[in-house]
PDB file of all heavy atoms in Angstrom:
ATOM      1  N   PRO A   1      79.967 106.592  87.761  1.00  0.00           N
ATOM      2  CA  PRO A   1      79.794 105.402  88.710  1.00  0.00           C
ATOM      3  C   PRO A   1      79.994 104.062  88.038  1.00  0.00           C
ATOM      4  O   PRO A   1      80.417 103.136  88.768  1.00  0.00           O
ATOM      5  CB  PRO A   1      78.385 105.543  89.213  1.00  0.00           C
ATOM      6  CG  PRO A   1      77.713 106.424  88.177  1.00  0.00           C
ATOM      7  CD  PRO A   1      78.738 107.323  87.594  1.00  0.00           C
ATOM      8  N   ASN A   2      79.706 103.954  86.811  1.00  0.00           N
ATOM      9  CA  ASN A   2      79.779 102.612  86.164  1.00  0.00           C
ATOM     10  C   ASN A   2      81.192 102.130  85.978  1.00  0.00           C
ATOM     11  O   ASN A   2      81.441 100.932  85.938  1.00  0.00           O
ATOM     12  CB  ASN A   2      79.089 102.666  84.799  1.00  0.00           C
ATOM     13  CG  ASN A   2      77.655 102.834  84.859  1.00  0.00           C
ATOM     14  OD1 ASN A   2      76.985 102.436  85.854  1.00  0.00           O
ATOM     15  ND2 ASN A   2      77.033 103.551  83.894  1.00  0.00           N
ATOM     16  N   ASN A   3      82.149 103.039  85.882  1.00  0.00           N
ATOM     17  CA  ASN A   3      83.550 102.616  85.730  1.00  0.00           C
ATOM     18  C   ASN A   3      84.432 102.860  86.959  1.00  0.00           C
ATOM     19  O   ASN A   3      85.624 102.805  86.940  1.00  0.00           O
ATOM     20  CB  ASN A   3      84.166 103.348  84.541  1.00  0.00           C
ATOM     21  CG  ASN A   3      83.517 102.974  83.238  1.00  0.00           C
ATOM     22  OD1 ASN A   3      83.345 101.821  82.979  1.00  0.00           O
ATOM     23  ND2 ASN A   3      83.305 103.972  82.348  1.00  0.00           N
ATOM     24  N   TRP A   4      83.772 103.024  88.096  1.00  0.00           N
ATOM     25  CA  TRP A   4      84.462 103.263  89.339  1.00  0.00           C
ATOM     26  C   TRP A   4      85.080 102.000  89.875  1.00  0.00           C
ATOM     27  O   TRP A   4      84.355 100.920  89.931  1.00  0.00           O
ATOM     28  CB  TRP A   4      83.504 103.883  90.369  1.00  0.00           C
ATOM     29  CG  TRP A   4      84.149 104.387  91.569  1.00  0.00           C
ATOM     30  CD1 TRP A   4      84.540 105.690  91.806  1.00  0.00           C
ATOM     31  CD2 TRP A   4      84.338 103.698  92.880  1.00  0.00           C
ATOM     32  NE1 TRP A   4      85.062 105.835  93.084  1.00  0.00           N
ATOM     33  CE2 TRP A   4      84.926 104.608  93.761  1.00  0.00           C
ATOM     34  CE3 TRP A   4      84.033 102.421  93.284  1.00  0.00           C
ATOM     35  CZ2 TRP A   4      85.310 104.278  95.050  1.00  0.00           C
ATOM     36  CZ3 TRP A   4      84.462 102.010  94.537  1.00  0.00           C
ATOM     37  CH2 TRP A   4      85.047 102.955  95.392  1.00  0.00           C
ATOM     38  N   ASP A   5      86.292 102.010  90.403  1.00  0.00           N
ATOM     39  CA  ASP A   5      86.988 100.806  90.958  1.00  0.00           C
ATOM     40  C   ASP A   5      87.817 101.273  92.149  1.00  0.00           C
ATOM     41  O   ASP A   5      88.640 102.130  92.110  1.00  0.00           O
ATOM     42  CB  ASP A   5      87.901 100.240  89.888  1.00  0.00           C
ATOM     43  CG  ASP A   5      88.548  98.944  90.289  1.00  0.00           C
ATOM     44  OD1 ASP A   5      88.399  98.517  91.450  1.00  0.00           O
ATOM     45  OD2 ASP A   5      89.289  98.309  89.442  1.00  0.00           O
ATOM     46  N   TYR A   6      87.401 100.614  93.281  1.00  0.00           N
ATOM     47  CA  TYR A   6      88.040 101.018  94.504  1.00  0.00           C
ATOM     48  C   TYR A   6      89.518 100.676  94.566  1.00  0.00           C
ATOM     49  O   TYR A   6      90.378 101.200  95.292  1.00  0.00           O
ATOM     50  CB  TYR A   6      87.316 100.372  95.769  1.00  0.00           C
ATOM     51  CG  TYR A   6      87.686  98.929  95.984  1.00  0.00           C
ATOM     52  CD1 TYR A   6      88.767  98.532  96.841  1.00  0.00           C
ATOM     53  CD2 TYR A   6      86.936  97.906  95.455  1.00  0.00           C
ATOM     54  CE1 TYR A   6      89.013  97.214  97.134  1.00  0.00           C
ATOM     55  CE2 TYR A   6      87.227  96.550  95.715  1.00  0.00           C
ATOM     56  CZ  TYR A   6      88.279  96.251  96.557  1.00  0.00           C
ATOM     57  OH  TYR A   6      88.626  94.928  96.830  1.00  0.00           O
ATOM     58  N   HIS A   7      90.039  99.762  93.680  1.00  0.00           N
ATOM     59  CA  HIS A   7      91.417  99.423  93.738  1.00  0.00           C
ATOM     60  C   HIS A   7      92.309 100.604  93.432  1.00  0.00           C
ATOM     61  O   HIS A   7      93.519 100.607  93.792  1.00  0.00           O
ATOM     62  CB  HIS A   7      91.701  98.221  92.732  1.00  0.00           C
ATOM     63  CG  HIS A   7      91.047  96.932  93.135  1.00  0.00           C
ATOM     64  ND1 HIS A   7      89.786  96.519  92.727  1.00  0.00           N
ATOM     65  CD2 HIS A   7      91.465  95.938  93.956  1.00  0.00           C
ATOM     66  CE1 HIS A   7      89.487  95.384  93.205  1.00  0.00           C
ATOM     67  NE2 HIS A   7      90.478  94.997  93.938  1.00  0.00           N
ATOM     68  N   LYS A   8      91.809 101.506  92.743  1.00  0.00           N
ATOM     69  CA  LYS A   8      92.572 102.741  92.352  1.00  0.00           C
ATOM     70  C   LYS A   8      92.974 103.497  93.596  1.00  0.00           C
ATOM     71  O   LYS A   8      94.062 104.094  93.600  1.00  0.00           O
ATOM     72  CB  LYS A   8      91.786 103.598  91.462  1.00  0.00           C
ATOM     73  CG  LYS A   8      92.363 104.989  91.095  1.00  0.00           C
ATOM     74  CD  LYS A   8      91.420 105.821  90.202  1.00  0.00           C
ATOM     75  CE  LYS A   8      91.985 107.215  90.000  1.00  0.00           C
ATOM     76  NZ  LYS A   8      91.049 108.000  89.154  1.00  0.00           N
ATOM     77  N   TYR A   9      92.229 103.450  94.660  1.00  0.00           N
ATOM     78  CA  TYR A   9      92.414 104.289  95.782  1.00  0.00           C
ATOM     79  C   TYR A   9      93.080 103.639  97.020  1.00  0.00           C
ATOM     80  O   TYR A   9      93.591 104.266  97.852  1.00  0.00           O
ATOM     81  CB  TYR A   9      91.049 104.894  96.193  1.00  0.00           C
ATOM     82  CG  TYR A   9      90.280 105.413  95.028  1.00  0.00           C
ATOM     83  CD1 TYR A   9      89.234 104.677  94.471  1.00  0.00           C
ATOM     84  CD2 TYR A   9      90.569 106.637  94.513  1.00  0.00           C
ATOM     85  CE1 TYR A   9      88.510 105.166  93.392  1.00  0.00           C
ATOM     86  CE2 TYR A   9      89.856 107.097  93.327  1.00  0.00           C
ATOM     87  CZ  TYR A   9      88.879 106.329  92.857  1.00  0.00           C
ATOM     88  OH  TYR A   9      88.153 106.776  91.720  1.00  0.00           O
ATOM     89  N   MET A  10      92.897 102.272  97.029  1.00  0.00           N
ATOM     90  CA  MET A  10      93.462 101.540  98.229  1.00  0.00           C
ATOM     91  C   MET A  10      94.975 101.709  98.416  1.00  0.00           C
ATOM     92  O   MET A  10      95.422 101.838  99.586  1.00  0.00           O
ATOM     93  CB  MET A  10      93.184 100.099  98.100  1.00  0.00           C
ATOM     94  CG  MET A  10      91.711  99.769  98.383  1.00  0.00           C
ATOM     95  SD  MET A  10      91.039 100.354  99.943  1.00  0.00           S
ATOM     96  CE  MET A  10      92.206  99.595 101.124  1.00  0.00           C
ATOM     97  N   PRO A  11      95.790 101.823  97.370  1.00  0.00           N
ATOM     98  CA  PRO A  11      97.206 101.987  97.668  1.00  0.00           C
ATOM     99  C   PRO A  11      97.558 103.291  98.518  1.00  0.00           C
ATOM    100  O   PRO A  11      98.442 103.288  99.312  1.00  0.00           O
ATOM    101  CB  PRO A  11      97.920 102.109  96.252  1.00  0.00           C
ATOM    102  CG  PRO A  11      96.966 101.316  95.418  1.00  0.00           C
ATOM    103  CD  PRO A  11      95.550 101.513  95.955  1.00  0.00           C
ATOM    104  N   GLU A  12      96.720 104.333  98.342  1.00  0.00           N
ATOM    105  CA  GLU A  12      96.896 105.541  99.130  1.00  0.00           C
ATOM    106  C   GLU A  12      96.498 105.299 100.591  1.00  0.00           C
ATOM    107  O   GLU A  12      97.306 105.657 101.509  1.00  0.00           O
ATOM    108  CB  GLU A  12      96.061 106.616  98.563  1.00  0.00           C
ATOM    109  CG  GLU A  12      96.629 107.374  97.368  1.00  0.00           C
ATOM    110  CD  GLU A  12      97.942 108.079  97.670  1.00  0.00           C
ATOM    111  OE1 GLU A  12      97.970 108.946  98.599  1.00  0.00           O
ATOM    112  OE2 GLU A  12      98.968 107.728  97.048  1.00  0.00           O
ATOM    113  N   LEU A  13      95.455 104.599 100.828  1.00  0.00           N
ATOM    114  CA  LEU A  13      95.051 104.295 102.175  1.00  0.00           C
ATOM    115  C   LEU A  13      95.960 103.377 102.897  1.00  0.00           C
ATOM    116  O   LEU A  13      96.120 103.388 104.092  1.00  0.00           O
ATOM    117  CB  LEU A  13      93.567 103.776 102.242  1.00  0.00           C
ATOM    118  CG  LEU A  13      92.481 104.762 101.647  1.00  0.00           C
ATOM    119  CD1 LEU A  13      91.136 104.014 101.813  1.00  0.00           C
ATOM    120  CD2 LEU A  13      92.540 106.011 102.494  1.00  0.00           C
ATOM    121  N   GLU A  14      96.621 102.533 102.160  1.00  0.00           N
ATOM    122  CA  GLU A  14      97.648 101.557 102.676  1.00  0.00           C
ATOM    123  C   GLU A  14      98.915 102.225 103.048  1.00  0.00           C
ATOM    124  O   GLU A  14      99.755 101.613 103.677  1.00  0.00           O
ATOM    125  CB  GLU A  14      97.870 100.454 101.684  1.00  0.00           C
ATOM    126  CG  GLU A  14      96.661  99.486 101.567  1.00  0.00           C
ATOM    127  CD  GLU A  14      96.710  98.544 100.450  1.00  0.00           C
ATOM    128  OE1 GLU A  14      97.653  98.646  99.566  1.00  0.00           O
ATOM    129  OE2 GLU A  14      95.782  97.631 100.291  1.00  0.00           O
ATOM    130  N   THR A  15      99.122 103.500 102.692  1.00  0.00           N
ATOM    131  CA  THR A  15     100.345 104.203 103.134  1.00  0.00           C
ATOM    132  C   THR A  15     100.143 104.664 104.571  1.00  0.00           C
ATOM    133  O   THR A  15     101.145 105.096 105.201  1.00  0.00           O
ATOM    134  CB  THR A  15     100.643 105.407 102.261  1.00  0.00           C
ATOM    135  OG1 THR A  15      99.636 106.404 102.432  1.00  0.00           O
ATOM    136  CG2 THR A  15     100.776 105.023 100.814  1.00  0.00           C
ATOM    137  N   LEU A  16      98.919 104.544 105.127  1.00  0.00           N
ATOM    138  CA  LEU A  16      98.688 104.920 106.495  1.00  0.00           C
ATOM    139  C   LEU A  16      99.034 103.777 107.406  1.00  0.00           C
ATOM    140  O   LEU A  16      98.814 102.592 107.074  1.00  0.00           O
ATOM    141  CB  LEU A  16      97.278 105.246 106.713  1.00  0.00           C
ATOM    142  CG  LEU A  16      96.698 106.470 106.087  1.00  0.00           C
ATOM    143  CD1 LEU A  16      95.181 106.530 106.148  1.00  0.00           C
ATOM    144  CD2 LEU A  16      97.279 107.727 106.727  1.00  0.00           C
ATOM    145  N   GLN A  17      99.609 104.046 108.549  1.00  0.00           N
ATOM    146  CA  GLN A  17      99.869 103.021 109.542  1.00  0.00           C
ATOM    147  C   GLN A  17      98.452 102.577 110.054  1.00  0.00           C
ATOM    148  O   GLN A  17      97.623 103.313 110.369  1.00  0.00           O
ATOM    149  CB  GLN A  17     100.680 103.644 110.742  1.00  0.00           C
ATOM    150  CG  GLN A  17     101.977 104.260 110.428  1.00  0.00           C
ATOM    151  CD  GLN A  17     103.009 103.163 110.285  1.00  0.00           C
ATOM    152  OE1 GLN A  17     103.155 102.276 111.098  1.00  0.00           O
ATOM    153  NE2 GLN A  17     103.850 103.293 109.285  1.00  0.00           N
ATOM    154  N   ASN A  18      98.303 101.254 110.056  1.00  0.00           N
ATOM    155  CA  ASN A  18      97.010 100.676 110.426  1.00  0.00           C
ATOM    156  C   ASN A  18      97.065  99.288 111.059  1.00  0.00           C
ATOM    157  O   ASN A  18      98.176  98.699 111.017  1.00  0.00           O
ATOM    158  CB  ASN A  18      96.049 100.673 109.205  1.00  0.00           C
ATOM    159  CG  ASN A  18      96.519  99.687 108.158  1.00  0.00           C
ATOM    160  OD1 ASN A  18      96.315  98.496 108.215  1.00  0.00           O
ATOM    161  ND2 ASN A  18      97.203 100.260 107.085  1.00  0.00           N
ATOM    162  N   ARG A  19      96.072  98.801 111.702  1.00  0.00           N
ATOM    163  CA  ARG A  19      96.029  97.526 112.267  1.00  0.00           C
ATOM    164  C   ARG A  19      95.556  96.460 111.389  1.00  0.00           C
ATOM    165  O   ARG A  19      95.144  95.419 111.778  1.00  0.00           O
ATOM    166  CB  ARG A  19      95.154  97.571 113.581  1.00  0.00           C
ATOM    167  CG  ARG A  19      95.612  98.605 114.626  1.00  0.00           C
ATOM    168  CD  ARG A  19      94.703  98.588 115.841  1.00  0.00           C
ATOM    169  NE  ARG A  19      95.022  99.634 116.754  1.00  0.00           N
ATOM    170  CZ  ARG A  19      94.604 100.873 116.760  1.00  0.00           C
ATOM    171  NH1 ARG A  19      93.776 101.233 115.813  1.00  0.00           N
ATOM    172  NH2 ARG A  19      95.024 101.760 117.635  1.00  0.00           N
ATOM    173  N   GLY A  20      95.408  96.754 110.079  1.00  0.00           N
ATOM    174  CA  GLY A  20      94.737  95.907 109.180  1.00  0.00           C
ATOM    175  C   GLY A  20      93.290  96.456 109.032  1.00  0.00           C
ATOM    176  O   GLY A  20      92.729  96.980 109.943  1.00  0.00           O
ATOM    177  N   TYR A  21      92.777  96.353 107.806  1.00  0.00           N
ATOM    178  CA  TYR A  21      91.439  96.844 107.545  1.00  0.00           C
ATOM    179  C   TYR A  21      90.403  95.844 107.544  1.00  0.00           C
ATOM    180  O   TYR A  21      90.600  94.647 107.254  1.00  0.00           O
ATOM    181  CB  TYR A  21      91.445  97.559 106.130  1.00  0.00           C
ATOM    182  CG  TYR A  21      92.188  98.901 106.111  1.00  0.00           C
ATOM    183  CD1 TYR A  21      93.103  99.264 105.153  1.00  0.00           C
ATOM    184  CD2 TYR A  21      91.981  99.881 107.114  1.00  0.00           C
ATOM    185  CE1 TYR A  21      93.785 100.341 105.049  1.00  0.00           C
ATOM    186  CE2 TYR A  21      92.683 101.074 107.130  1.00  0.00           C
ATOM    187  CZ  TYR A  21      93.583 101.293 106.084  1.00  0.00           C
ATOM    188  OH  TYR A  21      94.263 102.524 106.066  1.00  0.00           O
ATOM    189  N   CYS A  22      89.145  96.288 107.850  1.00  0.00           N
ATOM    190  CA  CYS A  22      88.012  95.457 107.766  1.00  0.00           C
ATOM    191  C   CYS A  22      86.798  96.324 107.326  1.00  0.00           C
ATOM    192  O   CYS A  22      86.890  97.512 107.229  1.00  0.00           O
ATOM    193  CB  CYS A  22      87.643  94.768 109.180  1.00  0.00           C
ATOM    194  SG  CYS A  22      86.994  95.902 110.447  1.00  0.00           S
ATOM    195  N   LEU A  23      85.671  95.723 107.121  1.00  0.00           N
ATOM    196  CA  LEU A  23      84.491  96.371 106.561  1.00  0.00           C
ATOM    197  C   LEU A  23      83.503  96.703 107.769  1.00  0.00           C
ATOM    198  O   LEU A  23      82.398  97.087 107.436  1.00  0.00           O
ATOM    199  CB  LEU A  23      83.771  95.497 105.531  1.00  0.00           C
ATOM    200  CG  LEU A  23      84.613  95.252 104.274  1.00  0.00           C
ATOM    201  CD1 LEU A  23      83.916  94.245 103.386  1.00  0.00           C
ATOM    202  CD2 LEU A  23      84.891  96.523 103.489  1.00  0.00           C
ATOM    203  N   GLY A  24      83.939  96.578 108.923  1.00  0.00           N
ATOM    204  CA  GLY A  24      83.028  96.808 110.038  1.00  0.00           C
ATOM    205  C   GLY A  24      81.846  95.957 109.990  1.00  0.00           C
ATOM    206  O   GLY A  24      81.948  94.782 109.716  1.00  0.00           O
ATOM    207  N   PHE A  25      80.680  96.517 110.287  1.00  0.00           N
ATOM    208  CA  PHE A  25      79.450  95.785 110.207  1.00  0.00           C
ATOM    209  C   PHE A  25      78.694  95.909 108.950  1.00  0.00           C
ATOM    210  O   PHE A  25      77.568  95.497 108.814  1.00  0.00           O
ATOM    211  CB  PHE A  25      78.529  96.217 111.359  1.00  0.00           C
ATOM    212  CG  PHE A  25      79.005  95.929 112.732  1.00  0.00           C
ATOM    213  CD1 PHE A  25      79.859  96.714 113.368  1.00  0.00           C
ATOM    214  CD2 PHE A  25      78.546  94.721 113.414  1.00  0.00           C
ATOM    215  CE1 PHE A  25      80.344  96.402 114.664  1.00  0.00           C
ATOM    216  CE2 PHE A  25      79.003  94.382 114.621  1.00  0.00           C
ATOM    217  CZ  PHE A  25      79.896  95.226 115.320  1.00  0.00           C
TER     218      PHE A  25
END
């Protein structure tokens, strides 16, 4: 957990067609 970085995974999620992402509530 100490070396975890979400930037590693976002490129994969960005390959999905989307309306733009948000953090919800």
